[in-house]
Structure formats: structure tokens, C-alpha cells
Protein backbone atom coordinates (compact mmCIF):
# COMPACT_ATOMS: atom_id res chain seq x y z
CA UNK A 1 190.63 152.10 266.79
CA UNK A 2 189.37 154.96 264.65
CA UNK A 3 191.66 157.09 262.54
CA UNK A 4 190.87 160.05 264.80
CA UNK A 5 191.87 158.08 267.92
CA UNK A 6 195.04 156.91 266.18
CA UNK A 7 196.00 160.49 265.29
CA UNK A 8 195.40 161.63 268.88
CA UNK A 9 197.57 158.85 270.29
CA UNK A 10 200.32 159.67 267.80
CA UNK A 11 200.27 163.33 268.85
CA UNK A 12 200.44 162.33 272.52
CA UNK A 13 203.41 160.04 271.86
CA UNK A 14 205.24 162.78 269.91
CA UNK A 15 204.49 165.36 272.60
CA UNK A 16 205.62 162.93 275.25
CA UNK A 17 208.91 162.34 273.46
CA UNK A 18 209.51 166.07 273.03
CA UNK A 19 208.61 166.77 276.66
CA UNK A 20 210.87 163.96 277.82
CA UNK A 21 213.70 165.27 275.69
CA UNK A 22 213.25 168.78 277.06
CA UNK A 23 213.19 167.49 280.62
CA UNK A 24 216.28 165.40 279.90
CA UNK A 25 218.10 168.36 278.34
CA UNK A 26 217.06 170.57 281.21
CA UNK A 27 218.40 168.04 283.64
CA UNK A 28 221.67 167.74 281.73
CA UNK A 29 221.93 171.53 281.44
CA UNK A 30 221.37 172.04 285.15
CA UNK A 31 224.06 169.45 285.94
CA UNK A 32 226.56 171.26 283.70
CA UNK A 33 226.01 174.51 285.60
CA UNK A 34 226.44 172.98 289.05
CA UNK A 35 229.74 173.56 290.84
CA UNK A 36 231.89 170.46 291.20
CA UNK A 37 233.53 171.65 294.40
CA UNK A 38 236.95 171.58 292.69
CA UNK A 39 237.85 175.25 292.15
CA UNK A 40 240.22 174.65 289.22
CA UNK A 41 237.65 172.54 287.40
CA UNK A 42 235.00 175.18 288.05
CA UNK A 43 237.33 177.97 286.98
CA UNK A 44 237.93 176.29 283.62
CA UNK A 45 234.24 175.51 283.02
CA UNK A 46 232.92 178.08 280.49
CA UNK A 47 229.34 177.03 281.20
CA UNK A 48 229.45 178.35 284.76
CA UNK A 49 228.37 181.92 285.47
CA UNK A 50 231.26 184.38 285.49
CA UNK A 51 230.66 185.21 289.17
CA UNK A 52 230.95 181.52 290.07
CA UNK A 53 234.19 181.19 288.12
CA UNK A 54 235.55 184.28 289.87
CA UNK A 55 234.65 182.75 293.23
CA UNK A 56 236.41 179.55 292.14
CA UNK A 57 239.55 181.51 291.20
CA UNK A 58 239.64 183.20 294.59
CA UNK A 59 239.13 179.86 296.35
CA UNK A 60 241.88 178.18 294.32
CA UNK A 61 244.34 180.98 295.09
CA UNK A 62 243.42 180.92 298.78
CA UNK A 63 244.25 177.19 298.79
CA UNK A 64 247.60 177.96 297.14
CA UNK A 65 248.39 180.53 299.81
CA UNK A 66 247.48 178.03 302.55
CA UNK A 67 249.68 175.37 300.96
CA UNK A 68 246.75 173.10 300.13
CA UNK A 69 247.09 173.40 296.37
CA UNK A 70 250.17 173.17 294.10
CA UNK A 71 251.25 176.72 293.21
CA UNK A 72 252.85 175.99 289.83
CA UNK A 73 249.89 173.98 288.52
CA UNK A 74 247.43 176.65 289.66
CA UNK A 75 249.48 179.44 288.13
CA UNK A 76 249.56 177.61 284.81
CA UNK A 77 245.77 177.22 284.79
CA UNK A 78 245.41 180.93 285.63
CA UNK A 79 247.88 181.97 282.92
CA UNK A 80 246.13 179.94 280.25
CA UNK A 81 242.92 181.84 280.96
CA UNK A 82 244.69 185.21 281.31
CA UNK A 83 246.24 184.87 277.82
CA UNK A 84 243.00 183.70 276.19
CA UNK A 85 240.93 186.29 274.32
CA UNK A 86 237.77 184.31 275.07
CA UNK A 87 238.05 184.69 278.85
CA UNK A 88 235.39 187.02 280.30
CA UNK A 89 236.84 190.49 281.03
CA UNK A 90 236.08 190.61 284.76
CA UNK A 91 237.32 187.06 285.31
CA UNK A 92 240.54 187.88 283.44
CA UNK A 93 241.11 190.92 285.64
CA UNK A 94 240.68 188.90 288.82
CA UNK A 95 243.01 186.16 287.59
CA UNK A 96 245.72 188.63 286.60
CA UNK A 97 245.45 190.47 289.91
CA UNK A 98 245.81 187.20 291.82
CA UNK A 99 248.80 186.17 289.72
CA UNK A 100 250.49 189.53 290.26
CA UNK A 101 249.91 189.25 294.01
CA UNK A 102 252.11 186.16 294.22
CA UNK A 103 254.90 186.90 296.71
CA UNK A 104 256.86 183.67 296.22
CA UNK A 105 260.23 184.15 294.55
CA UNK A 106 259.42 181.99 291.53
CA UNK A 107 255.86 183.27 291.23
CA UNK A 108 256.86 186.94 291.43
CA UNK A 109 259.53 186.49 288.76
CA UNK A 110 257.07 184.68 286.50
CA UNK A 111 254.40 187.37 287.05
CA UNK A 112 256.88 190.12 286.19
CA UNK A 113 257.81 188.34 282.95
CA UNK A 114 254.14 187.98 282.10
CA UNK A 115 253.44 191.67 282.77
CA UNK A 116 256.46 192.65 280.65
CA UNK A 117 255.07 190.67 277.70
CA UNK A 118 251.46 191.81 278.14
CA UNK A 119 251.90 195.55 278.58
CA UNK A 120 253.26 196.57 275.15
CA UNK A 121 250.23 195.21 273.27
CA UNK A 122 247.42 194.96 275.85
CA UNK A 123 244.26 196.67 274.57
CA UNK A 124 242.18 196.60 277.77
CA UNK A 125 242.66 199.78 279.86
CA UNK A 126 241.42 197.88 282.90
CA UNK A 127 244.11 195.21 282.48
CA UNK A 128 246.78 197.89 281.97
CA UNK A 129 245.60 199.54 285.20
CA UNK A 130 245.95 196.29 287.16
CA UNK A 131 249.42 195.62 285.73
CA UNK A 132 250.61 199.16 286.39
CA UNK A 133 249.29 199.22 289.95
CA UNK A 134 250.83 195.84 290.73
CA UNK A 135 254.13 196.97 289.21
CA UNK A 136 254.22 199.85 291.65
CA UNK A 137 253.11 197.73 294.62
CA UNK A 138 255.78 195.13 293.84
CA UNK A 139 258.47 197.69 292.99
CA UNK A 140 259.09 196.25 289.53
CA UNK A 141 261.34 199.01 288.16
CA UNK A 142 262.51 196.69 285.36
CA UNK A 143 259.02 197.00 283.85
CA UNK A 144 259.46 200.71 283.06
CA UNK A 145 260.37 200.03 279.37
CA UNK A 146 257.24 197.90 278.92
CA UNK A 147 255.10 200.53 280.64
CA UNK A 148 256.61 203.16 278.33
CA UNK A 149 255.64 201.03 275.33
CA UNK A 150 252.08 200.78 276.62
CA UNK A 151 252.02 204.55 277.22
CA UNK A 152 253.24 205.16 273.67
CA UNK A 153 249.92 203.89 272.27
CA UNK A 154 247.47 206.76 271.87
CA UNK A 155 244.34 206.60 274.01
CA UNK A 156 241.52 208.66 272.44
CA UNK A 157 239.52 208.79 275.68
CA UNK A 158 242.15 209.49 278.35
CA UNK A 159 244.54 212.51 278.37
CA UNK A 160 248.24 211.64 278.61
CA UNK A 161 248.44 213.37 281.98
CA UNK A 162 245.82 211.01 283.43
CA UNK A 163 247.11 207.71 282.04
CA UNK A 164 247.78 204.84 284.46
CA UNK A 165 251.13 204.28 282.78
CA UNK A 166 252.27 207.80 283.61
CA UNK A 167 251.33 207.39 287.28
CA UNK A 168 253.22 204.10 287.41
CA UNK A 169 256.35 205.55 285.76
CA UNK A 170 256.39 208.51 288.15
CA UNK A 171 255.97 206.18 291.14
CA UNK A 172 258.69 203.78 289.98
CA UNK A 173 261.15 206.55 289.06
CA UNK A 174 260.50 209.29 291.65
CA UNK A 175 262.31 212.61 291.30
CA UNK A 176 262.67 212.31 287.51
CA UNK A 177 260.61 214.05 284.85
CA UNK A 178 258.52 211.80 282.67
CA UNK A 179 260.46 212.99 279.60
CA UNK A 180 263.85 212.13 281.14
CA UNK A 181 262.63 208.63 282.06
CA UNK A 182 261.34 207.99 278.54
CA UNK A 183 264.58 209.36 277.07
CA UNK A 184 266.49 206.96 279.31
CA UNK A 185 264.47 204.07 277.85
CA UNK A 186 265.32 205.36 274.36
CA UNK A 187 269.03 205.35 275.25
CA UNK A 188 268.96 201.88 276.84
CA UNK A 189 266.07 199.94 275.27
CA UNK A 190 267.47 196.60 276.42
CA UNK A 191 267.22 197.43 280.12
CA UNK A 192 264.85 195.13 281.95
CA UNK A 193 264.90 192.40 279.32
CA UNK A 194 265.64 189.00 280.79
CA UNK A 195 268.55 187.91 278.62
CA UNK A 196 270.27 188.29 275.27
CA UNK A 197 267.88 185.82 273.64
CA UNK A 198 264.87 187.91 274.63
CA UNK A 199 266.58 191.03 273.27
CA UNK A 200 267.03 189.35 269.89
CA UNK A 201 263.47 188.06 269.52
CA UNK A 202 261.30 190.17 267.20
CA UNK A 203 263.76 193.08 267.32
CA UNK A 204 262.57 193.89 270.83
CA UNK A 205 265.19 196.55 271.53
CA UNK A 206 264.39 198.36 268.28
CA UNK A 207 260.70 198.31 269.11
CA UNK A 208 261.31 199.63 272.61
CA UNK A 209 263.55 202.40 271.29
CA UNK A 210 261.09 203.40 268.58
CA UNK A 211 258.09 203.43 270.93
CA UNK A 212 260.03 205.49 273.47
CA UNK A 213 260.90 208.09 270.83
CA UNK A 214 257.31 208.22 269.58
CA UNK A 215 256.05 208.82 273.12
CA UNK A 216 258.71 211.45 273.74
CA UNK A 217 257.61 213.25 270.58
CA UNK A 218 254.00 213.29 271.79
CA UNK A 219 255.00 214.61 275.21
CA UNK A 220 257.18 217.29 273.58
CA UNK A 221 255.19 218.80 270.69
CA UNK A 222 257.44 221.86 270.27
CA UNK A 223 260.64 219.74 270.29
CA UNK A 224 262.29 221.88 272.96
CA UNK A 225 262.69 219.11 275.55
CA UNK A 226 264.09 216.66 272.99
CA UNK A 227 266.62 219.22 271.79
CA UNK A 228 267.76 219.82 275.37
CA UNK A 229 268.05 216.09 276.03
CA UNK A 230 269.99 215.54 272.79
CA UNK A 231 272.42 218.28 273.78
CA UNK A 232 273.05 216.48 277.08
CA UNK A 233 273.90 213.33 275.15
CA UNK A 234 274.01 210.09 277.10
CA UNK A 235 274.50 211.64 280.53
CA UNK A 236 277.65 209.62 281.04
CA UNK A 237 275.97 206.26 280.52
CA UNK A 238 277.26 203.69 278.06
CA UNK A 239 275.02 203.07 275.06
CA UNK A 240 275.20 200.56 272.21
CA UNK A 241 276.38 201.42 268.69
CA UNK A 242 272.86 201.69 267.14
CA UNK A 243 271.81 204.18 269.80
CA UNK A 244 275.03 206.19 269.38
CA UNK A 245 274.38 206.30 265.64
CA UNK A 246 270.79 207.44 266.12
CA UNK A 247 271.88 210.25 268.42
CA UNK A 248 274.33 211.45 265.77
CA UNK A 249 271.62 211.26 263.08
CA UNK A 250 269.13 213.21 265.19
CA UNK A 251 271.63 215.95 265.90
CA UNK A 252 272.54 216.19 262.20
CA UNK A 253 268.98 216.42 260.87
CA UNK A 254 268.16 219.02 263.53
CA UNK A 255 271.29 221.03 262.81
CA UNK A 256 270.85 220.87 259.02
CA UNK A 257 267.08 221.29 258.66
CA UNK A 258 265.67 222.12 262.10
CA UNK A 259 263.76 218.82 261.92
CA UNK A 260 263.24 216.06 264.48
CA UNK A 261 261.36 212.88 263.51
CA UNK A 262 258.07 212.28 265.33
CA UNK A 263 257.41 208.55 265.04
CA UNK A 264 259.35 205.28 265.26
CA UNK A 265 258.98 204.80 261.50
CA UNK A 266 260.33 208.29 260.81
CA UNK A 267 263.28 207.49 263.04
CA UNK A 268 263.97 204.41 260.93
CA UNK A 269 263.50 206.47 257.77
CA UNK A 270 266.15 208.95 258.93
CA UNK A 271 268.58 206.10 259.62
CA UNK A 272 267.94 204.67 256.14
CA UNK A 273 268.79 208.01 254.56
CA UNK A 274 271.98 208.55 256.52
CA UNK A 275 273.13 204.96 257.07
CA UNK A 276 271.93 202.95 254.09
CA UNK A 277 273.92 199.71 253.89
CA UNK A 278 273.77 199.54 250.07
CA UNK A 279 276.74 201.39 248.60
CA UNK A 280 274.90 202.81 245.56
CA UNK A 281 271.93 204.03 247.57
CA UNK A 282 274.18 205.41 250.29
CA UNK A 283 276.02 207.53 247.69
CA UNK A 284 272.74 208.69 246.13
CA UNK A 285 271.40 209.57 249.57
CA UNK A 286 274.47 211.64 250.43
CA UNK A 287 274.12 213.56 247.17
CA UNK A 288 270.38 214.06 247.78
CA UNK A 289 271.04 215.23 251.35
CA UNK A 290 273.43 217.88 250.06
CA UNK A 291 270.94 219.13 247.45
CA UNK A 292 268.12 219.24 250.00
CA UNK A 293 270.37 221.10 252.44
CA UNK A 294 271.23 223.73 249.83
CA UNK A 295 267.55 224.15 248.93
CA UNK A 296 266.41 224.52 252.54
CA UNK A 297 269.19 227.04 253.19
CA UNK A 298 267.36 229.37 250.76
CA UNK A 299 264.23 229.38 252.92
CA UNK A 300 263.45 232.04 255.50
CA UNK A 301 260.76 232.99 258.00
CA UNK A 302 257.44 231.20 257.55
CA UNK A 303 258.96 228.93 254.92
CA UNK A 304 260.95 227.12 257.62
CA UNK A 305 258.01 226.71 259.98
CA UNK A 306 256.89 223.13 260.60
CA UNK A 307 259.43 221.42 258.34
CA UNK A 308 259.30 217.62 258.35
CA UNK A 309 261.29 214.88 256.62
CA UNK A 310 258.46 214.35 254.13
CA UNK A 311 258.84 217.94 252.85
CA UNK A 312 262.51 217.70 251.88
CA UNK A 313 262.15 216.01 248.49
CA UNK A 314 259.47 218.49 247.36
CA UNK A 315 261.69 221.42 248.39
CA UNK A 316 264.75 219.90 246.69
CA UNK A 317 262.84 219.15 243.46
CA UNK A 318 261.19 222.58 243.33
CA UNK A 319 264.51 224.35 243.88
CA UNK A 320 265.92 222.52 240.85
CA UNK A 321 262.88 222.56 238.53
CA UNK A 322 260.59 225.42 239.68
CA UNK A 323 262.81 227.89 241.59
CA UNK A 324 260.07 230.54 241.32
CA UNK A 325 257.98 228.46 243.76
CA UNK A 326 260.78 228.63 246.32
CA UNK A 327 260.62 232.42 246.07
CA UNK A 328 256.89 232.53 246.87
CA UNK A 329 255.36 233.11 250.27
CA UNK A 330 252.56 231.00 251.74
CA UNK A 331 249.73 233.09 250.25
CA UNK A 332 251.24 233.01 246.77
CA UNK A 333 251.72 229.22 246.85
CA UNK A 334 248.15 228.79 248.01
CA UNK A 335 246.93 230.94 245.09
CA UNK A 336 248.82 228.81 242.54
CA UNK A 337 247.39 225.62 244.00
CA UNK A 338 243.88 227.04 244.38
CA UNK A 339 243.78 228.12 240.73
CA UNK A 340 244.73 224.60 239.64
CA UNK A 341 242.12 222.86 241.76
CA UNK A 342 239.28 225.27 241.00
CA UNK A 343 238.83 224.04 237.42
CA UNK A 344 238.78 220.31 238.24
CA UNK A 345 236.02 217.84 239.03
CA UNK A 346 236.15 216.38 242.52
CA UNK A 347 234.67 213.23 244.05
CA UNK A 348 234.01 213.26 247.78
CA UNK A 349 234.11 210.08 249.85
CA UNK A 350 230.79 208.90 251.25
CA UNK A 351 230.58 209.52 254.99
CA UNK A 352 229.88 206.36 256.97
CA UNK A 353 227.38 206.35 259.81
CA UNK A 354 228.91 207.92 262.91
CA UNK A 355 231.76 209.58 261.01
CA UNK A 356 232.23 213.36 261.06
CA UNK A 357 231.80 215.39 257.88
CA UNK A 358 234.73 215.00 255.49
CA UNK A 359 236.88 218.08 254.90
CA UNK A 360 238.76 217.71 251.61
CA UNK A 361 239.16 221.17 250.08
CA UNK A 362 242.02 223.64 250.22
CA UNK A 363 239.71 226.16 251.90
CA UNK A 364 238.83 223.65 254.62
CA UNK A 365 242.48 223.38 255.68
CA UNK A 366 243.79 226.82 254.74
CA UNK A 367 244.66 227.85 258.30
CA UNK A 368 246.42 224.55 259.04
CA UNK A 369 248.66 224.09 256.01
CA UNK A 370 252.24 225.30 256.36
CA UNK A 371 254.31 226.74 253.54
CA UNK A 372 256.10 223.39 253.19
CA UNK A 373 252.74 221.56 253.12
CA UNK A 374 251.51 223.74 250.27
CA UNK A 375 254.72 223.31 248.29
CA UNK A 376 254.62 219.54 248.77
CA UNK A 377 251.00 219.35 247.61
CA UNK A 378 251.90 221.44 244.58
CA UNK A 379 254.86 219.21 243.65
CA UNK A 380 252.78 216.02 244.12
CA UNK A 381 250.12 217.56 241.89
CA UNK A 382 252.79 218.34 239.33
CA UNK A 383 253.97 214.73 239.37
CA UNK A 384 250.43 213.45 238.78
CA UNK A 385 250.11 215.69 235.75
CA UNK A 386 253.11 214.02 234.14
CA UNK A 387 251.92 211.99 231.13
CA UNK A 388 254.29 209.07 231.77
CA UNK A 389 253.19 208.88 235.42
CA UNK A 390 249.52 208.83 234.38
CA UNK A 391 250.29 206.01 231.94
CA UNK A 392 252.05 204.02 234.66
CA UNK A 393 249.21 204.52 237.14
CA UNK A 394 246.50 203.30 234.79
CA UNK A 395 248.53 200.18 233.95
CA UNK A 396 248.92 199.55 237.67
CA UNK A 397 245.22 200.17 238.26
CA UNK A 398 244.42 197.43 235.72
CA UNK A 399 246.77 195.02 237.53
CA UNK A 400 245.08 195.85 240.82
CA UNK A 401 241.63 195.18 239.34
CA UNK A 402 242.74 191.71 238.23
CA UNK A 403 244.18 190.81 241.65
CA UNK A 404 241.32 190.15 244.07
CA UNK A 405 243.51 189.44 247.10
CA UNK A 406 245.08 192.82 247.78
CA UNK A 407 245.28 196.51 246.91
CA UNK A 408 248.32 197.77 245.00
CA UNK A 409 250.53 200.73 245.75
CA UNK A 410 253.97 202.23 245.43
CA UNK A 411 256.20 205.27 245.56
CA UNK A 412 256.10 208.61 243.74
CA UNK A 413 259.61 209.93 243.28
CA UNK A 414 261.99 211.52 240.79
CA UNK A 415 264.86 209.79 238.98
CA UNK A 416 268.38 211.14 238.59
CA UNK A 417 267.20 213.59 235.94
CA UNK A 418 264.34 214.83 238.16
CA UNK A 419 261.73 213.11 236.00
CA UNK A 420 258.78 211.80 237.94
CA UNK A 421 257.84 208.13 238.10
CA UNK A 422 255.34 205.89 239.86
CA UNK A 423 257.17 202.80 241.12
CA UNK A 424 254.85 199.88 241.85
CA UNK A 425 255.46 197.47 244.75
CA UNK A 426 253.18 194.45 244.65
CA UNK A 427 252.47 193.21 248.19
CA UNK A 428 254.21 189.98 249.14
CA UNK A 429 252.21 186.86 250.00
CA UNK A 430 252.25 187.59 253.75
CA UNK A 431 250.99 191.15 253.15
CA UNK A 432 248.06 190.18 250.91
CA UNK A 433 245.44 190.70 253.60
CA UNK A 434 242.37 191.67 251.58
CA UNK A 435 241.21 193.33 248.36
CA UNK A 436 240.37 196.41 250.43
CA UNK A 437 243.73 196.91 252.09
CA UNK A 438 247.26 197.81 250.98
CA UNK A 439 250.22 196.79 253.12
CA UNK A 440 253.53 198.40 252.15
CA UNK A 441 256.32 195.84 251.90
CA UNK A 442 259.69 196.19 253.59
CA UNK A 443 261.19 196.55 250.12
CA UNK A 444 258.96 199.52 249.40
CA UNK A 445 259.90 201.22 252.68
CA UNK A 446 263.61 200.65 252.05
CA UNK A 447 263.31 201.96 248.47
CA UNK A 448 261.59 205.18 249.46
CA UNK A 449 264.44 206.98 251.23
CA UNK A 450 264.10 209.98 248.92
CA UNK A 451 260.44 209.61 247.96
CA UNK A 452 257.97 212.40 247.35
CA UNK A 453 254.92 210.39 248.47
CA UNK A 454 253.49 206.92 248.94
CA UNK A 455 250.37 205.95 247.00
CA UNK A 456 247.85 203.10 246.76
CA UNK A 457 244.68 202.32 244.80
CA UNK A 458 241.01 201.86 245.66
CA UNK A 459 240.19 199.87 242.55
CA UNK A 460 238.50 196.59 243.44
CA UNK A 461 235.44 197.75 241.45
CA UNK A 462 235.15 199.70 238.21
CA UNK A 463 233.55 202.59 240.11
CA UNK A 464 234.68 203.03 243.71
CA UNK A 465 233.32 206.58 244.01
CA UNK A 466 231.92 206.14 247.51
CA UNK A 467 235.43 205.16 248.71
CA UNK A 468 237.14 208.15 247.08
CA UNK A 469 239.48 209.14 249.87
CA UNK A 470 241.57 207.68 252.69
CA UNK A 471 240.08 205.19 255.14
CA UNK A 472 240.70 205.20 258.88
CA UNK A 473 243.47 202.65 258.37
CA UNK A 474 245.05 204.90 255.74
CA UNK A 475 245.09 207.83 258.18
CA UNK A 476 246.76 205.66 260.84
CA UNK A 477 249.42 204.48 258.39
CA UNK A 478 250.21 208.06 257.37
CA UNK A 479 250.50 209.15 261.00
CA UNK A 480 252.81 206.26 261.88
CA UNK A 481 255.01 206.52 258.80
CA UNK A 482 255.26 210.31 258.70
CA UNK A 483 254.77 210.24 254.93
CA UNK A 484 252.77 212.31 252.49
CA UNK A 485 250.31 209.82 250.97
CA UNK A 486 248.01 209.64 247.96
CA UNK A 487 245.02 207.38 247.33
CA UNK A 488 243.89 206.87 243.72
CA UNK A 489 240.25 205.83 243.39
CA UNK A 490 238.90 204.17 240.26
CA UNK A 491 235.83 206.08 239.00
CA UNK A 492 235.47 204.69 235.48
CA UNK A 493 237.49 203.02 232.75
CA UNK A 494 239.61 206.12 232.18
CA UNK A 495 239.22 208.16 235.41
CA UNK A 496 240.98 208.17 238.76
CA UNK A 497 240.19 210.53 241.62
CA UNK A 498 243.20 211.71 243.61
CA UNK A 499 243.22 212.50 247.34
CA UNK A 500 246.39 213.59 249.12
CA UNK A 501 246.51 213.09 252.89
CA UNK A 502 249.08 213.98 255.52
CA UNK A 503 250.17 212.51 258.88
CA UNK A 504 248.20 215.23 260.71
CA UNK A 505 244.88 214.16 259.09
CA UNK A 506 244.69 216.85 256.40
CA UNK A 507 243.01 215.63 253.19
CA UNK A 508 243.12 217.56 249.92
CA UNK A 509 241.06 216.31 246.96
CA UNK A 510 243.26 217.01 243.94
CA UNK A 511 240.49 216.11 241.51
CA UNK A 512 240.30 213.64 238.65
CA UNK A 513 243.04 212.51 236.32
CA UNK A 514 241.96 211.14 232.95
CA UNK A 515 243.69 208.60 230.75
CA UNK A 516 243.25 209.79 227.17
């Protein structure tokens, strides 16, 4: 045999092996995609086409309805797939719809429990639609609190008036306004929960109450409906002690300042101010409340427009330390702030692909900023010009640079002598998500009853210029917390750029601060 013949035979053998392997794999592959005839096995087979798995689900449920297949075992298989994030969207919808169609006593009760757990956090609008429609069809009025929680999440693509949750609430509670239904959930957040154990898990009642208030705030932007509902009180119904306390707090902050919190976190903030369990902080809060009340009483006209909890410390501090600012109107305050910012260097955040143009100047937001906004920005700017605060911030920036597992942040406030300070709160182990994210600890939130602003650093590199400004996550945190926030971006060894941002999305670049 010649070498040439030998090489040809070797190639043929290799090709034959490859071809045989491909044929074998093809045969194995085709067998894996063939239906077994057992609908539950087919349903759970991820290698089948989605349409075949949907057909298997329908067949399995038909057999349950005809008494051929065990209901409980089939429901469990369906539920496992319905809870899994890897289940194909259309298949998941079909499975959930079949589960919710169960008319047996045990099955209906189990389906209602499942819907109650899914709705508050479900991200798929299609799934929410199925659950809402089935709730109405089945007359599940106990699901109203869960539907309210789902409705409380903002949908950027669907107006509130067209949400599936709203249609379901109106169908389940006919003859009542949507606001009165949501207020009822706020008053009795435990209604519809299965038992006391479920109420205790993960502070469910507090979450329901907070979400209901946040939704009510969104449905009532001018606060008129909430004020009317608060005047009515409980409508003769019995409420628990926490709810009774919240109602008293809401009436007091409205009576004293003309303010109503907007979000669940603001509601908790108000309770911390008025009902702090620590004796020393409770006394300090009462004293602070009195000073803030006296300062706000000096305001008139446009100065009182749009007041929020986050403005109170700035107004109190200015009344004590810069009373001339309290005497200024909106235009005069804007002039003071504009003159300060005009002489500074500013660093704009790089716009990511698909993002709108960044607006970060005082002129950009001139028509939006209220008198209280302008005063708060001015007082925050004053705090960041304090030499001791600058020293503290650069020390903290260095600590942040060394820690590659999280961003650092804290609270800007004033001590008992009205001297500013930057109080650092290092994230706890569970909050150390990434070097590009700051998560405020519970300790930080509890500490900041009387804070001027929250702050955090962008300092994972020596020069973070392209990230000079709040991220999308930062905007969301500000909106949820109701706080004035500041992000400090490392530009060089001795420079930080400062951007202030508000819950309404306003961003003001306050320029660079330099460590001499």
C-alpha cells in the first residue's frame, strides 16, 4: 500500500467516524424532541418546542378535569414551572391561567394564595393581566391588597387609568372610588392575609400599608383627596395601633407644615421623627420639630409652595444661621445660588447610548425649582464649603477607593451647635453588592431623622469623570426615599465633583470641591 493510498484510507475512516457520530447525534437529538405521550413528562421537557409543551399542559389539565389524572400532583408540577424564571413566557401564562381556572375547593384556595404571593412583585404585565382577570372571574375580593401592591409599582408604558390592576379593583369593589379602596387597604393592611403567621413574615402588613400610601399619593398629586380621607378618619372601622399612630402623624405634619409624605419610605421617615423609640433621639427630634415649625411659620406665599419633609432641615438651619435667606423671595435666592455656581468648574456625566441629554445646570431647571428647593440647594452647598466637611469627605473617599466591594456614603447634617458634618456609614456585609453601588444601611436611615441630605461616592477609580452624576439607580433611590441626595465623584487626587439630585429627577451640578 502506497503512502498516498494509506492517507486516503485514513481520511475515509475519519470522515466515516465523524459522519457516524453526526448521524448518531442526530438520531439521539430527534428522539429527545419526540413526545412521550405522557403530558406531564412532555410539559417538563425543556427540549420540546414551547407549542408542544403548551399542548401537553392543556392535555394534562383536561385529564385532571375528567378525573383521569391526580389533581394535586398535576398542580404541583404546574406550580414548579410557574414559579421558575426559566419557563418560557407563553407557557408560563398558559400554566397560570389553567391553575387559576381550578374550581375545586382546595385548588381554588391554593390558586388564590399563589396569586396573592405573585402579584406584589410580578414583573410581567401579561402575567399580572391573567391574575387580575382571574381574580375578577373568581370573585377573589381578598386579593385587593395584593392587587393594590402591584398597582403601586410605576409602569412607564401604561397610564394609571389603563392599568389592569385598576380595572380589577373597580370590578371587585364596585361603587367605590379607586382612592377610597386604596385608603381602605392603607387602614387595614392585614385584610386578606391568611393568618397571623403570614402577617408577621417579612413585615407584610407594613409593606402593604406603605405601598398603598405610595399609590394613593400618585393618584392624588395635589393632596386634596388624601386630606379629605384623613379628615374622615377610619370611617368607623377598627384599626390597629400602628395605623392609628400613622393617622395622627399624618394629620400633625399636614397641620404644622402643610406637608404629606409621598412614598412608603417617607411615611416611615415621618414616624421615625415623631415616634423614635430611643429616648435621646426622641427628645432631640421634638426639639428639632419645634424649631422647624417656628421657622416655617415665618414663610409666606410662594415660600410655602411645594414643601416636603426633605426641606425642613434646610429651612430650620437657615432661619438660625442665615436669616437673611429666609427673607428672600424665589428670584433672590436663585440669584445668590447662580452667582456661586457661575465661577466654578463643572464636570458633566457622559451620556450613555439611548439616554436623553443630561440637564444639570440651574438654568435648565429654573422653572421647576420651588423656593424651598433653592434654599435647600443653597444650604447643601454651604455645608460642602465647610472646611471640616471637605476634610471628612476626602478621608472617606480614600477609604472607598481601598474597598473594592462597595461604594461608601453617609449623611450630611448639623450637630447641636448647627455645625455641619459628613457622617459616614459603611455598608454592612449583606449590602456590599458591588464597587459601583451604594446601599444605605438601616442604621443610616434610622440616624438621618433630621438630615439635610444623603450622599455617596463614585470613587472606584482615580478619575471617574464620565460617571460624574447620579445613575438611574440613584434617581430611583431618591424618588423612593424622598430625600435630597448628593453624589461625589472622584476626578483627581484632590478634586471631587458634586451633583445634587432630588426625588423629582432634578440634577444640579454644584461644581468641584478641592482638598488643599
